[in-house]
Amino acid sequence: MSDPRIGLAQATAQSMSIAFGADFTVYGPISYSKEAYLSAALADAYVAYFMMQEYGIRPKVKKHPLFRIWELE
């Protein structure tokens, strides 16, 4: 991506769709995958952290982004 604003908009779109419960997200060309995967994983970790703090619900798998990003386990 030559324009950083495109990457920022793309990351925001990824994060919002996952925060609203999407299981699948479309990020565009494969060249955007690095940024898309990172923003999607971070959004998923944020949602999981909130669920853990608010409702005591933990992710079922040890390889969840929540544990891989912050290394809580």
C-alpha atoms as a PDB file:
ATOM      1  CA  MET A   1       0.000   0.000   0.000  1.00  0.00           C
ATOM      2  CA  SER A   2       1.501   3.270  -1.041  1.00  0.00           C
ATOM      3  CA  ASP A   3      -0.904   5.538   0.835  1.00  0.00           C
ATOM      4  CA  PRO A   4      -0.887   4.912   4.610  1.00  0.00           C
ATOM      5  CA  ARG A   5      -4.438   6.239   4.874  1.00  0.00           C
ATOM      6  CA  ILE A   6      -5.655   3.245   2.883  1.00  0.00           C
ATOM      7  CA  GLY A   7      -4.001   0.893   5.353  1.00  0.00           C
ATOM      8  CA  LEU A   8      -5.569   2.758   8.268  1.00  0.00           C
ATOM      9  CA  ALA A   9      -9.013   2.627   6.702  1.00  0.00           C
ATOM     10  CA  GLN A  10      -8.556  -1.051   5.934  1.00  0.00           C
ATOM     11  CA  ALA A  11      -7.509  -1.843   9.515  1.00  0.00           C
ATOM     12  CA  THR A  12     -10.477   0.099  10.877  1.00  0.00           C
ATOM     13  CA  ALA A  13     -12.883  -1.801   8.648  1.00  0.00           C
ATOM     14  CA  GLN A  14     -11.383  -5.113   9.772  1.00  0.00           C
ATOM     15  CA  SER A  15     -11.591  -4.183  13.432  1.00  0.00           C
ATOM     16  CA  MET A  16     -15.148  -2.897  13.291  1.00  0.00           C
ATOM     17  CA  SER A  17     -16.545  -5.916  11.480  1.00  0.00           C
ATOM     18  CA  ILE A  18     -14.977  -8.300  14.000  1.00  0.00           C
ATOM     19  CA  ALA A  19     -16.032  -6.167  16.966  1.00  0.00           C
ATOM     20  CA  PHE A  20     -19.607  -6.417  15.704  1.00  0.00           C
ATOM     21  CA  GLY A  21     -19.391 -10.197  15.556  1.00  0.00           C
ATOM     22  CA  ALA A  22     -18.242 -11.084  12.054  1.00  0.00           C
ATOM     23  CA  ASP A  23     -16.663 -14.502  11.621  1.00  0.00           C
ATOM     24  CA  PHE A  24     -15.564 -13.741   8.074  1.00  0.00           C
ATOM     25  CA  THR A  25     -14.164 -10.542   6.645  1.00  0.00           C
ATOM     26  CA  VAL A  26     -13.089  -9.524   3.149  1.00  0.00           C
ATOM     27  CA  TYR A  27      -9.898  -7.476   3.043  1.00  0.00           C
ATOM     28  CA  GLY A  28      -9.186  -7.057  -0.667  1.00  0.00           C
ATOM     29  CA  PRO A  29      -6.043  -8.095  -2.565  1.00  0.00           C
ATOM     30  CA  ILE A  30      -3.615 -10.573  -1.012  1.00  0.00           C
ATOM     31  CA  SER A  31      -1.063  -7.783  -0.740  1.00  0.00           C
ATOM     32  CA  TYR A  32      -3.179  -6.313   2.089  1.00  0.00           C
ATOM     33  CA  SER A  33      -3.130  -9.564   4.077  1.00  0.00           C
ATOM     34  CA  LYS A  34      -0.350  -8.659   6.534  1.00  0.00           C
ATOM     35  CA  GLU A  35      -2.166  -5.578   7.803  1.00  0.00           C
ATOM     36  CA  ALA A  36      -5.563  -7.270   7.628  1.00  0.00           C
ATOM     37  CA  TYR A  37      -4.481 -10.296   9.674  1.00  0.00           C
ATOM     38  CA  LEU A  38      -2.866  -8.154  12.341  1.00  0.00           C
ATOM     39  CA  SER A  39      -5.855  -5.839  12.743  1.00  0.00           C
ATOM     40  CA  ALA A  40      -8.287  -8.777  12.721  1.00  0.00           C
ATOM     41  CA  ALA A  41      -6.286 -10.639  15.373  1.00  0.00           C
ATOM     42  CA  LEU A  42      -6.032  -7.557  17.556  1.00  0.00           C
ATOM     43  CA  ALA A  43      -9.770  -6.877  17.293  1.00  0.00           C
ATOM     44  CA  ASP A  44     -10.505 -10.512  18.139  1.00  0.00           C
ATOM     45  CA  ALA A  45      -8.220 -10.259  21.169  1.00  0.00           C
ATOM     46  CA  TYR A  46      -9.997  -7.086  22.330  1.00  0.00           C
ATOM     47  CA  VAL A  47     -13.394  -8.773  22.075  1.00  0.00           C
ATOM     48  CA  ALA A  48     -12.142 -11.856  23.922  1.00  0.00           C
ATOM     49  CA  TYR A  49     -10.586  -9.732  26.655  1.00  0.00           C
ATOM     50  CA  PHE A  50     -13.843  -7.846  27.144  1.00  0.00           C
ATOM     51  CA  MET A  51     -15.822 -11.092  27.301  1.00  0.00           C
ATOM     52  CA  MET A  52     -13.369 -12.488  29.833  1.00  0.00           C
ATOM     53  CA  GLN A  53     -13.507  -9.384  32.034  1.00  0.00           C
ATOM     54  CA  GLU A  54     -17.230  -8.741  31.778  1.00  0.00           C
ATOM     55  CA  TYR A  55     -18.722 -12.246  31.675  1.00  0.00           C
ATOM     56  CA  GLY A  56     -15.936 -14.620  32.689  1.00  0.00           C
ATOM     57  CA  ILE A  57     -15.986 -16.327  29.271  1.00  0.00           C
ATOM     58  CA  ARG A  58     -12.555 -17.490  28.126  1.00  0.00           C
ATOM     59  CA  PRO A  59     -11.517 -18.543  24.628  1.00  0.00           C
ATOM     60  CA  LYS A  60     -11.697 -22.307  24.079  1.00  0.00           C
ATOM     61  CA  VAL A  61      -8.321 -22.664  22.384  1.00  0.00           C
ATOM     62  CA  LYS A  62      -4.841 -21.838  23.662  1.00  0.00           C
ATOM     63  CA  LYS A  63      -3.816 -20.385  20.291  1.00  0.00           C
ATOM     64  CA  HIS A  64      -6.427 -17.620  20.452  1.00  0.00           C
ATOM     65  CA  PRO A  65      -5.037 -14.168  19.536  1.00  0.00           C
ATOM     66  CA  LEU A  66      -5.742 -12.989  23.095  1.00  0.00           C
ATOM     67  CA  PHE A  67      -3.127 -15.345  24.468  1.00  0.00           C
ATOM     68  CA  ARG A  68      -0.706 -14.912  21.602  1.00  0.00           C
ATOM     69  CA  ILE A  69      -0.681 -11.101  21.677  1.00  0.00           C
ATOM     70  CA  TRP A  70      -0.470 -10.497  25.407  1.00  0.00           C
ATOM     71  CA  GLU A  71       0.856 -13.928  26.416  1.00  0.00           C
ATOM     72  CA  LEU A  72      -1.490 -14.267  29.378  1.00  0.00           C
ATOM     73  CA  GLU A  73      -1.116 -18.038  29.510  1.00  0.00           C
END
